[in-house]
C-alpha cells in the first residue's frame, strides 16, 4: 500500500463541519487527512481555552475524535490540543493561571479589584472598588473601567505551610512581577499570605440531636428574610468541635430580591452567622436551593 497525502473527496469539509461549534473547541486547524489502502488517518489541532482543566481538555479531544469518526468511519484520529487565550478570559482567570504556574503557590482566592484614579492635587491616588470577590471581571465588562485603566488587585494566596518566610516572600515577589506582565493594567498588588488548608481529612462522628435543638436551628434559619424552608439538619462532631449542616429553600420577594449566586451567598452567610451565635457551633455549612 502507498501512503498518499491526498485526502478523500470532501473529507476535509466534513471533518471541519463536524467539529466546528463543538462545546469547548474554539477553533480547529491544520487538519491533515490521508488515505492508505482502506484506512483513513486524520491528524488535526484544536484550540481550547487555556483556563480549561486537563481533564476537560481531554474530554473535548475525545469528543472531537468521536465526531470525526462519525463522518469518517473506522478512521484513525490524532487530536493535538492547543491551549490558547480566549476572548471570554477574565482578569481573575489570568491571575489564577499565573498562580497555577508559580511554584510554591497552592491557591488564590478572595480577589478584589480597585480602579486607581490619579488626582491633580496630590501624588496620591483615589481608589474605587469595582468588583466583588471572584466575579467574572473581564475589563470590557466592568462598569466604569476602560481598557488601559490603572488597577489595584487584592487577593489571598495560599502557600505551603513548611516554607520559611524569606522563601515565601521571594515566591510572592516573583508572582507579582509575572502578574504585572500578564495583566499590564495592574499597577498595585496587595497579597495576603496564608497557609494551605490541611491535606488530612478528619473523620467526624454524626450524632442525633434532640428535637428541640433541631427546631432551634430551623427557627433561626427561618427567621432570616428570604428563607422559606429549612431541612436536612445534621450535627457532626469533629475533634470535639460541633459542625452543623443544613439545607435552606430561598424565595425572592420584591422587598428582598434574590437573583444571583452572590445574593444567595449573602443570605446563606446570614443564616450561618445566626446559627453559630445561637448554638456555639464551630462551623455551619448551608446548602441553598431555589423555592
C-alpha atoms as a PDB file:
ATOM      1  CA  UNK A   1       0.000   0.000   0.000  1.00  0.00           C
ATOM      2  CA  UNK A   2       1.155   3.504  -0.809  1.00  0.00           C
ATOM      3  CA  UNK A   3       0.714   6.410   1.621  1.00  0.00           C
ATOM      4  CA  UNK A   4      -0.940   9.302  -0.193  1.00  0.00           C
ATOM      5  CA  UNK A   5      -1.243  12.839   1.203  1.00  0.00           C
ATOM      6  CA  UNK A   6      -4.346  13.390  -0.873  1.00  0.00           C
ATOM      7  CA  UNK A   7      -7.486  13.354   1.264  1.00  0.00           C
ATOM      8  CA  UNK A   8     -10.673  11.545   0.198  1.00  0.00           C
ATOM      9  CA  UNK A   9     -13.008  13.843  -1.715  1.00  0.00           C
ATOM     10  CA  UNK A  10     -14.993  16.148   0.584  1.00  0.00           C
ATOM     11  CA  UNK A  11     -13.429  14.673   3.726  1.00  0.00           C
ATOM     12  CA  UNK A  12     -11.798  17.907   4.901  1.00  0.00           C
ATOM     13  CA  UNK A  13     -15.062  19.851   4.791  1.00  0.00           C
ATOM     14  CA  UNK A  14     -16.979  17.050   6.547  1.00  0.00           C
ATOM     15  CA  UNK A  15     -14.452  16.947   9.379  1.00  0.00           C
ATOM     16  CA  UNK A  16     -14.405  20.733   9.777  1.00  0.00           C
ATOM     17  CA  UNK A  17     -18.202  20.936   9.876  1.00  0.00           C
ATOM     18  CA  UNK A  18     -18.388  18.056  12.369  1.00  0.00           C
ATOM     19  CA  UNK A  19     -16.157  19.732  14.964  1.00  0.00           C
ATOM     20  CA  UNK A  20     -16.991  23.399  14.369  1.00  0.00           C
ATOM     21  CA  UNK A  21     -19.187  24.723  17.162  1.00  0.00           C
ATOM     22  CA  UNK A  22     -18.441  21.747  19.404  1.00  0.00           C
ATOM     23  CA  UNK A  23     -18.555  22.768  23.063  1.00  0.00           C
ATOM     24  CA  UNK A  24     -15.054  23.541  24.308  1.00  0.00           C
ATOM     25  CA  UNK A  25     -13.497  23.920  20.851  1.00  0.00           C
ATOM     26  CA  UNK A  26     -12.602  27.490  19.897  1.00  0.00           C
ATOM     27  CA  UNK A  27     -11.113  26.555  16.533  1.00  0.00           C
ATOM     28  CA  UNK A  28      -9.912  23.549  14.546  1.00  0.00           C
ATOM     29  CA  UNK A  29      -6.904  23.924  12.240  1.00  0.00           C
ATOM     30  CA  UNK A  30      -4.023  22.126  10.490  1.00  0.00           C
ATOM     31  CA  UNK A  31      -6.310  19.260   9.548  1.00  0.00           C
ATOM     32  CA  UNK A  32      -4.452  16.573   7.583  1.00  0.00           C
ATOM     33  CA  UNK A  33      -6.335  13.628   6.161  1.00  0.00           C
ATOM     34  CA  UNK A  34      -4.506  10.799   4.424  1.00  0.00           C
ATOM     35  CA  UNK A  35      -5.635   7.567   2.867  1.00  0.00           C
ATOM     36  CA  UNK A  36      -3.622   4.341   2.986  1.00  0.00           C
ATOM     37  CA  UNK A  37      -5.423   1.428   1.422  1.00  0.00           C
ATOM     38  CA  UNK A  38      -8.761   1.072   3.187  1.00  0.00           C
ATOM     39  CA  UNK A  39      -7.655   3.109   6.196  1.00  0.00           C
ATOM     40  CA  UNK A  40      -8.046   6.846   6.724  1.00  0.00           C
ATOM     41  CA  UNK A  41      -5.689   8.785   9.003  1.00  0.00           C
ATOM     42  CA  UNK A  42      -6.689  12.160  10.460  1.00  0.00           C
ATOM     43  CA  UNK A  43      -4.194  14.440  12.197  1.00  0.00           C
ATOM     44  CA  UNK A  44      -5.558  17.770  13.471  1.00  0.00           C
ATOM     45  CA  UNK A  45      -5.217  20.568  16.022  1.00  0.00           C
ATOM     46  CA  UNK A  46      -7.941  22.096  18.162  1.00  0.00           C
ATOM     47  CA  UNK A  47      -7.765  25.242  20.259  1.00  0.00           C
ATOM     48  CA  UNK A  48      -9.323  25.125  23.730  1.00  0.00           C
ATOM     49  CA  UNK A  49      -9.402  27.877  26.383  1.00  0.00           C
ATOM     50  CA  UNK A  50      -6.228  27.763  28.461  1.00  0.00           C
ATOM     51  CA  UNK A  51      -8.438  28.024  31.542  1.00  0.00           C
ATOM     52  CA  UNK A  52      -9.777  24.514  30.883  1.00  0.00           C
ATOM     53  CA  UNK A  53      -8.608  21.787  33.235  1.00  0.00           C
ATOM     54  CA  UNK A  54      -6.513  18.944  31.842  1.00  0.00           C
ATOM     55  CA  UNK A  55      -9.435  16.573  32.358  1.00  0.00           C
ATOM     56  CA  UNK A  56     -11.863  18.830  30.483  1.00  0.00           C
ATOM     57  CA  UNK A  57      -9.422  19.329  27.586  1.00  0.00           C
ATOM     58  CA  UNK A  58      -9.019  15.542  27.343  1.00  0.00           C
ATOM     59  CA  UNK A  59     -12.788  15.071  27.216  1.00  0.00           C
ATOM     60  CA  UNK A  60     -13.082  17.712  24.494  1.00  0.00           C
ATOM     61  CA  UNK A  61     -10.398  15.937  22.438  1.00  0.00           C
ATOM     62  CA  UNK A  62     -12.266  12.643  22.877  1.00  0.00           C
ATOM     63  CA  UNK A  63     -15.497  14.284  21.671  1.00  0.00           C
ATOM     64  CA  UNK A  64     -13.649  15.593  18.601  1.00  0.00           C
ATOM     65  CA  UNK A  65     -12.335  12.095  17.831  1.00  0.00           C
ATOM     66  CA  UNK A  66     -15.866  10.679  18.058  1.00  0.00           C
ATOM     67  CA  UNK A  67     -17.256  13.396  15.797  1.00  0.00           C
ATOM     68  CA  UNK A  68     -14.564  12.750  13.191  1.00  0.00           C
ATOM     69  CA  UNK A  69     -15.200   9.005  13.254  1.00  0.00           C
ATOM     70  CA  UNK A  70     -18.870   9.799  12.767  1.00  0.00           C
ATOM     71  CA  UNK A  71     -18.166  11.313   9.340  1.00  0.00           C
ATOM     72  CA  UNK A  72     -15.155   9.112   8.514  1.00  0.00           C
ATOM     73  CA  UNK A  73     -15.987   5.669   9.951  1.00  0.00           C
ATOM     74  CA  UNK A  74     -13.109   3.462  11.136  1.00  0.00           C
ATOM     75  CA  UNK A  75     -10.632   6.337  10.784  1.00  0.00           C
ATOM     76  CA  UNK A  76      -7.511   6.657  12.919  1.00  0.00           C
ATOM     77  CA  UNK A  77      -7.738  10.097  14.564  1.00  0.00           C
ATOM     78  CA  UNK A  78      -4.971  12.004  16.346  1.00  0.00           C
ATOM     79  CA  UNK A  79      -6.009  15.279  18.017  1.00  0.00           C
ATOM     80  CA  UNK A  80      -3.447  17.814  19.258  1.00  0.00           C
ATOM     81  CA  UNK A  81      -4.795  20.188  21.915  1.00  0.00           C
ATOM     82  CA  UNK A  82      -3.555  23.802  21.836  1.00  0.00           C
ATOM     83  CA  UNK A  83      -4.352  25.838  24.968  1.00  0.00           C
ATOM     84  CA  UNK A  84      -4.970  29.425  23.872  1.00  0.00           C
ATOM     85  CA  UNK A  85      -6.196  32.706  25.314  1.00  0.00           C
ATOM     86  CA  UNK A  86      -9.899  33.186  24.651  1.00  0.00           C
ATOM     87  CA  UNK A  87     -11.970  36.347  24.255  1.00  0.00           C
ATOM     88  CA  UNK A  88     -14.025  35.445  27.334  1.00  0.00           C
ATOM     89  CA  UNK A  89     -10.968  35.176  29.587  1.00  0.00           C
ATOM     90  CA  UNK A  90     -11.274  37.373  32.678  1.00  0.00           C
ATOM     91  CA  UNK A  91      -8.741  39.137  34.854  1.00  0.00           C
ATOM     92  CA  UNK A  92      -9.303  36.581  37.617  1.00  0.00           C
ATOM     93  CA  UNK A  93      -8.748  33.812  35.065  1.00  0.00           C
ATOM     94  CA  UNK A  94      -5.357  35.300  34.232  1.00  0.00           C
ATOM     95  CA  UNK A  95      -4.470  35.721  37.902  1.00  0.00           C
ATOM     96  CA  UNK A  96      -5.347  32.090  38.608  1.00  0.00           C
ATOM     97  CA  UNK A  97      -3.322  30.916  35.609  1.00  0.00           C
ATOM     98  CA  UNK A  98      -0.230  32.756  36.832  1.00  0.00           C
ATOM     99  CA  UNK A  99      -0.763  31.356  40.343  1.00  0.00           C
ATOM    100  CA  UNK A 100      -1.077  27.807  38.980  1.00  0.00           C
ATOM    101  CA  UNK A 101       2.228  28.238  37.150  1.00  0.00           C
ATOM    102  CA  UNK A 102       4.043  29.589  40.227  1.00  0.00           C
ATOM    103  CA  UNK A 103       5.932  27.015  42.256  1.00  0.00           C
ATOM    104  CA  UNK A 104       5.018  27.250  45.947  1.00  0.00           C
ATOM    105  CA  UNK A 105       1.532  28.746  45.492  1.00  0.00           C
ATOM    106  CA  UNK A 106      -1.292  26.332  46.181  1.00  0.00           C
ATOM    107  CA  UNK A 107      -4.304  28.547  45.520  1.00  0.00           C
ATOM    108  CA  UNK A 108      -5.572  32.139  45.314  1.00  0.00           C
ATOM    109  CA  UNK A 109      -8.978  33.420  46.403  1.00  0.00           C
ATOM    110  CA  UNK A 110     -10.956  36.461  47.585  1.00  0.00           C
ATOM    111  CA  UNK A 111      -9.835  38.565  44.627  1.00  0.00           C
ATOM    112  CA  UNK A 112     -10.844  42.254  44.598  1.00  0.00           C
ATOM    113  CA  UNK A 113     -10.023  44.990  42.119  1.00  0.00           C
ATOM    114  CA  UNK A 114      -9.932  48.746  42.566  1.00  0.00           C
ATOM    115  CA  UNK A 115      -9.651  51.412  39.898  1.00  0.00           C
ATOM    116  CA  UNK A 116      -6.861  53.895  40.640  1.00  0.00           C
ATOM    117  CA  UNK A 117      -7.724  57.450  39.640  1.00  0.00           C
ATOM    118  CA  UNK A 118      -4.810  59.934  39.714  1.00  0.00           C
ATOM    119  CA  UNK A 119      -5.660  63.385  41.053  1.00  0.00           C
ATOM    120  CA  UNK A 120      -4.056  66.642  40.022  1.00  0.00           C
ATOM    121  CA  UNK A 121      -3.889  67.937  43.604  1.00  0.00           C
ATOM    122  CA  UNK A 122      -1.899  65.092  45.044  1.00  0.00           C
ATOM    123  CA  UNK A 123       0.509  62.431  44.050  1.00  0.00           C
ATOM    124  CA  UNK A 124      -1.730  60.027  45.921  1.00  0.00           C
ATOM    125  CA  UNK A 125      -4.481  58.264  44.028  1.00  0.00           C
ATOM    126  CA  UNK A 126      -8.091  57.625  44.891  1.00  0.00           C
ATOM    127  CA  UNK A 127      -9.205  54.017  44.712  1.00  0.00           C
ATOM    128  CA  UNK A 128     -12.699  52.981  43.747  1.00  0.00           C
ATOM    129  CA  UNK A 129     -13.683  49.355  44.301  1.00  0.00           C
ATOM    130  CA  UNK A 130     -15.100  47.952  41.081  1.00  0.00           C
ATOM    131  CA  UNK A 131     -15.632  44.263  41.707  1.00  0.00           C
ATOM    132  CA  UNK A 132     -16.823  41.803  44.290  1.00  0.00           C
ATOM    133  CA  UNK A 133     -14.739  38.724  45.182  1.00  0.00           C
ATOM    134  CA  UNK A 134     -14.089  36.335  42.319  1.00  0.00           C
ATOM    135  CA  UNK A 135     -16.626  37.812  39.912  1.00  0.00           C
ATOM    136  CA  UNK A 136     -16.020  37.404  36.182  1.00  0.00           C
ATOM    137  CA  UNK A 137     -14.238  40.702  35.818  1.00  0.00           C
ATOM    138  CA  UNK A 138     -13.335  40.996  32.157  1.00  0.00           C
ATOM    139  CA  UNK A 139     -12.028  44.530  31.618  1.00  0.00           C
ATOM    140  CA  UNK A 140     -14.581  45.159  28.907  1.00  0.00           C
ATOM    141  CA  UNK A 141     -17.415  44.133  31.266  1.00  0.00           C
ATOM    142  CA  UNK A 142     -16.563  46.250  34.310  1.00  0.00           C
ATOM    143  CA  UNK A 143     -18.710  49.323  34.622  1.00  0.00           C
ATOM    144  CA  UNK A 144     -16.606  52.438  34.511  1.00  0.00           C
ATOM    145  CA  UNK A 145     -13.492  50.555  33.524  1.00  0.00           C
ATOM    146  CA  UNK A 146     -11.873  51.154  30.175  1.00  0.00           C
ATOM    147  CA  UNK A 147      -9.065  49.142  28.659  1.00  0.00           C
ATOM    148  CA  UNK A 148      -5.854  50.795  29.762  1.00  0.00           C
ATOM    149  CA  UNK A 149      -7.231  51.741  33.189  1.00  0.00           C
ATOM    150  CA  UNK A 150      -4.886  51.526  36.166  1.00  0.00           C
ATOM    151  CA  UNK A 151      -5.938  48.872  38.675  1.00  0.00           C
ATOM    152  CA  UNK A 152      -5.068  47.626  42.154  1.00  0.00           C
ATOM    153  CA  UNK A 153      -5.688  43.947  42.943  1.00  0.00           C
ATOM    154  CA  UNK A 154      -6.103  42.482  46.425  1.00  0.00           C
ATOM    155  CA  UNK A 155      -6.005  38.722  46.938  1.00  0.00           C
ATOM    156  CA  UNK A 156      -5.309  35.928  49.401  1.00  0.00           C
ATOM    157  CA  UNK A 157      -2.548  33.476  48.476  1.00  0.00           C
ATOM    158  CA  UNK A 158      -2.378  30.009  49.999  1.00  0.00           C
ATOM    159  CA  UNK A 159       1.164  28.644  50.336  1.00  0.00           C
ATOM    160  CA  UNK A 160       2.900  25.535  51.624  1.00  0.00           C
ATOM    161  CA  UNK A 161       2.912  25.723  55.418  1.00  0.00           C
ATOM    162  CA  UNK A 162       6.504  24.380  55.545  1.00  0.00           C
ATOM    163  CA  UNK A 163       8.009  27.324  53.643  1.00  0.00           C
ATOM    164  CA  UNK A 164      10.190  29.736  55.588  1.00  0.00           C
ATOM    165  CA  UNK A 165       9.195  33.408  55.468  1.00  0.00           C
ATOM    166  CA  UNK A 166      12.093  34.541  53.262  1.00  0.00           C
ATOM    167  CA  UNK A 167      11.383  31.873  50.645  1.00  0.00           C
ATOM    168  CA  UNK A 168       7.645  32.585  50.717  1.00  0.00           C
ATOM    169  CA  UNK A 169       8.285  36.317  50.265  1.00  0.00           C
ATOM    170  CA  UNK A 170      10.524  35.604  47.283  1.00  0.00           C
ATOM    171  CA  UNK A 171       7.790  33.477  45.679  1.00  0.00           C
ATOM    172  CA  UNK A 172       5.259  36.278  46.155  1.00  0.00           C
ATOM    173  CA  UNK A 173       7.650  38.813  44.619  1.00  0.00           C
ATOM    174  CA  UNK A 174       8.071  36.623  41.517  1.00  0.00           C
ATOM    175  CA  UNK A 175       4.310  36.062  41.362  1.00  0.00           C
ATOM    176  CA  UNK A 176       3.576  39.797  41.464  1.00  0.00           C
ATOM    177  CA  UNK A 177       6.162  40.586  38.776  1.00  0.00           C
ATOM    178  CA  UNK A 178       4.644  37.952  36.494  1.00  0.00           C
ATOM    179  CA  UNK A 179       1.114  39.229  37.201  1.00  0.00           C
ATOM    180  CA  UNK A 180       2.029  42.706  36.002  1.00  0.00           C
ATOM    181  CA  UNK A 181       3.449  41.211  32.813  1.00  0.00           C
ATOM    182  CA  UNK A 182       0.284  39.211  32.113  1.00  0.00           C
ATOM    183  CA  UNK A 183      -2.158  41.957  33.227  1.00  0.00           C
ATOM    184  CA  UNK A 184      -0.418  45.243  32.365  1.00  0.00           C
ATOM    185  CA  UNK A 185      -3.357  47.234  33.777  1.00  0.00           C
ATOM    186  CA  UNK A 186      -2.250  46.237  37.288  1.00  0.00           C
ATOM    187  CA  UNK A 187      -0.137  48.874  38.990  1.00  0.00           C
ATOM    188  CA  UNK A 188      -0.528  47.818  42.615  1.00  0.00           C
ATOM    189  CA  UNK A 189      -0.829  44.308  44.051  1.00  0.00           C
ATOM    190  CA  UNK A 190      -1.628  43.552  47.678  1.00  0.00           C
ATOM    191  CA  UNK A 191      -1.277  39.899  48.651  1.00  0.00           C
ATOM    192  CA  UNK A 192      -2.196  38.293  51.940  1.00  0.00           C
ATOM    193  CA  UNK A 193      -0.157  35.154  52.565  1.00  0.00           C
ATOM    194  CA  UNK A 194      -1.820  32.257  54.342  1.00  0.00           C
ATOM    195  CA  UNK A 195      -1.031  28.582  54.757  1.00  0.00           C
ATOM    196  CA  UNK A 196      -2.807  25.959  52.695  1.00  0.00           C
ATOM    197  CA  UNK A 197      -5.643  24.008  54.250  1.00  0.00           C
ATOM    198  CA  UNK A 198      -4.669  20.655  55.683  1.00  0.00           C
ATOM    199  CA  UNK A 199      -4.480  17.753  53.263  1.00  0.00           C
ATOM    200  CA  UNK A 200      -5.526  15.417  56.049  1.00  0.00           C
ATOM    201  CA  UNK A 201      -9.267  14.807  56.325  1.00  0.00           C
ATOM    202  CA  UNK A 202     -10.624  14.407  59.828  1.00  0.00           C
ATOM    203  CA  UNK A 203     -13.277  11.764  60.435  1.00  0.00           C
ATOM    204  CA  UNK A 204     -16.268  13.095  62.325  1.00  0.00           C
ATOM    205  CA  UNK A 205     -18.997  11.388  64.324  1.00  0.00           C
ATOM    206  CA  UNK A 206     -22.593  12.146  63.414  1.00  0.00           C
ATOM    207  CA  UNK A 207     -24.959  12.338  66.354  1.00  0.00           C
ATOM    208  CA  UNK A 208     -28.729  12.582  66.502  1.00  0.00           C
ATOM    209  CA  UNK A 209     -29.594  15.781  68.389  1.00  0.00           C
ATOM    210  CA  UNK A 210     -32.723  16.397  70.425  1.00  0.00           C
ATOM    211  CA  UNK A 211     -35.817  17.507  68.503  1.00  0.00           C
ATOM    212  CA  UNK A 212     -35.885  20.784  70.441  1.00  0.00           C
ATOM    213  CA  UNK A 213     -32.302  21.516  69.329  1.00  0.00           C
ATOM    214  CA  UNK A 214     -33.157  20.837  65.678  1.00  0.00           C
ATOM    215  CA  UNK A 215     -36.168  23.159  65.959  1.00  0.00           C
ATOM    216  CA  UNK A 216     -33.947  25.858  67.416  1.00  0.00           C
ATOM    217  CA  UNK A 217     -31.666  25.647  64.378  1.00  0.00           C
ATOM    218  CA  UNK A 218     -34.620  25.513  61.994  1.00  0.00           C
ATOM    219  CA  UNK A 219     -36.319  28.536  63.550  1.00  0.00           C
ATOM    220  CA  UNK A 220     -33.091  30.500  63.437  1.00  0.00           C
ATOM    221  CA  UNK A 221     -32.777  29.854  59.699  1.00  0.00           C
ATOM    222  CA  UNK A 222     -36.424  30.682  59.032  1.00  0.00           C
ATOM    223  CA  UNK A 223     -36.071  33.998  60.854  1.00  0.00           C
ATOM    224  CA  UNK A 224     -33.856  35.270  58.011  1.00  0.00           C
ATOM    225  CA  UNK A 225     -35.966  37.082  55.347  1.00  0.00           C
ATOM    226  CA  UNK A 226     -35.997  35.099  52.121  1.00  0.00           C
ATOM    227  CA  UNK A 227     -35.692  31.661  53.753  1.00  0.00           C
ATOM    228  CA  UNK A 228     -38.941  29.694  53.323  1.00  0.00           C
ATOM    229  CA  UNK A 229     -37.837  26.238  54.473  1.00  0.00           C
ATOM    230  CA  UNK A 230     -35.032  24.551  56.403  1.00  0.00           C
ATOM    231  CA  UNK A 231     -34.402  20.796  56.285  1.00  0.00           C
ATOM    232  CA  UNK A 232     -31.762  18.042  56.361  1.00  0.00           C
ATOM    233  CA  UNK A 233     -30.202  19.365  59.557  1.00  0.00           C
ATOM    234  CA  UNK A 234     -27.209  17.340  60.673  1.00  0.00           C
ATOM    235  CA  UNK A 235     -24.849  17.623  63.623  1.00  0.00           C
ATOM    236  CA  UNK A 236     -21.327  16.209  63.390  1.00  0.00           C
ATOM    237  CA  UNK A 237     -18.560  16.290  65.980  1.00  0.00           C
ATOM    238  CA  UNK A 238     -15.024  16.637  64.584  1.00  0.00           C
ATOM    239  CA  UNK A 239     -12.124  16.766  67.051  1.00  0.00           C
ATOM    240  CA  UNK A 240     -14.557  17.740  69.825  1.00  0.00           C
ATOM    241  CA  UNK A 241     -15.942  20.598  67.720  1.00  0.00           C
ATOM    242  CA  UNK A 242     -19.567  20.801  66.658  1.00  0.00           C
ATOM    243  CA  UNK A 243     -20.291  21.156  62.950  1.00  0.00           C
ATOM    244  CA  UNK A 244     -23.842  21.773  61.689  1.00  0.00           C
ATOM    245  CA  UNK A 245     -25.091  21.171  58.162  1.00  0.00           C
ATOM    246  CA  UNK A 246     -28.451  22.221  56.788  1.00  0.00           C
ATOM    247  CA  UNK A 247     -30.333  22.960  53.579  1.00  0.00           C
ATOM    248  CA  UNK A 248     -32.497  26.028  53.075  1.00  0.00           C
ATOM    249  CA  UNK A 249     -35.007  26.947  50.407  1.00  0.00           C
ATOM    250  CA  UNK A 250     -34.933  30.589  49.416  1.00  0.00           C
ATOM    251  CA  UNK A 251     -37.538  32.719  47.704  1.00  0.00           C
ATOM    252  CA  UNK A 252     -37.103  36.070  46.040  1.00  0.00           C
ATOM    253  CA  UNK A 253     -39.511  38.838  47.036  1.00  0.00           C
ATOM    254  CA  UNK A 254     -39.948  42.437  45.838  1.00  0.00           C
ATOM    255  CA  UNK A 255     -38.605  43.593  49.214  1.00  0.00           C
ATOM    256  CA  UNK A 256     -35.609  41.219  49.109  1.00  0.00           C
ATOM    257  CA  UNK A 257     -34.849  40.100  45.536  1.00  0.00           C
ATOM    258  CA  UNK A 258     -32.549  37.087  45.166  1.00  0.00           C
ATOM    259  CA  UNK A 259     -31.368  36.850  41.588  1.00  0.00           C
ATOM    260  CA  UNK A 260     -27.689  35.960  41.636  1.00  0.00           C
ATOM    261  CA  UNK A 261     -25.350  33.476  43.304  1.00  0.00           C
ATOM    262  CA  UNK A 262     -23.912  36.423  45.232  1.00  0.00           C
ATOM    263  CA  UNK A 263     -27.396  37.224  46.604  1.00  0.00           C
ATOM    264  CA  UNK A 264     -27.858  33.590  47.689  1.00  0.00           C
ATOM    265  CA  UNK A 265     -24.381  33.552  49.239  1.00  0.00           C
ATOM    266  CA  UNK A 266     -25.115  36.659  51.329  1.00  0.00           C
ATOM    267  CA  UNK A 267     -28.369  35.130  52.588  1.00  0.00           C
ATOM    268  CA  UNK A 268     -26.664  31.810  53.418  1.00  0.00           C
ATOM    269  CA  UNK A 269     -23.954  33.718  55.301  1.00  0.00           C
ATOM    270  CA  UNK A 270     -26.638  35.459  57.378  1.00  0.00           C
ATOM    271  CA  UNK A 271     -28.107  32.058  58.274  1.00  0.00           C
ATOM    272  CA  UNK A 272     -24.654  30.686  59.028  1.00  0.00           C
ATOM    273  CA  UNK A 273     -23.721  33.545  61.370  1.00  0.00           C
ATOM    274  CA  UNK A 274     -27.038  33.422  63.238  1.00  0.00           C
ATOM    275  CA  UNK A 275     -26.882  29.656  63.797  1.00  0.00           C
ATOM    276  CA  UNK A 276     -23.288  29.955  65.069  1.00  0.00           C
ATOM    277  CA  UNK A 277     -24.332  32.675  67.519  1.00  0.00           C
ATOM    278  CA  UNK A 278     -27.283  30.678  68.821  1.00  0.00           C
ATOM    279  CA  UNK A 279     -25.606  27.264  69.046  1.00  0.00           C
ATOM    280  CA  UNK A 280     -21.916  27.969  69.561  1.00  0.00           C
ATOM    281  CA  UNK A 281     -21.058  25.614  66.686  1.00  0.00           C
ATOM    282  CA  UNK A 282     -17.534  25.846  65.290  1.00  0.00           C
ATOM    283  CA  UNK A 283     -18.742  25.531  61.720  1.00  0.00           C
ATOM    284  CA  UNK A 284     -22.057  25.762  59.884  1.00  0.00           C
ATOM    285  CA  UNK A 285     -22.423  24.645  56.278  1.00  0.00           C
ATOM    286  CA  UNK A 286     -25.509  25.952  54.478  1.00  0.00           C
ATOM    287  CA  UNK A 287     -26.767  24.478  51.207  1.00  0.00           C
ATOM    288  CA  UNK A 288     -29.158  26.763  49.302  1.00  0.00           C
ATOM    289  CA  UNK A 289     -31.952  25.710  46.954  1.00  0.00           C
ATOM    290  CA  UNK A 290     -34.436  27.843  44.991  1.00  0.00           C
ATOM    291  CA  UNK A 291     -38.041  27.515  46.078  1.00  0.00           C
END
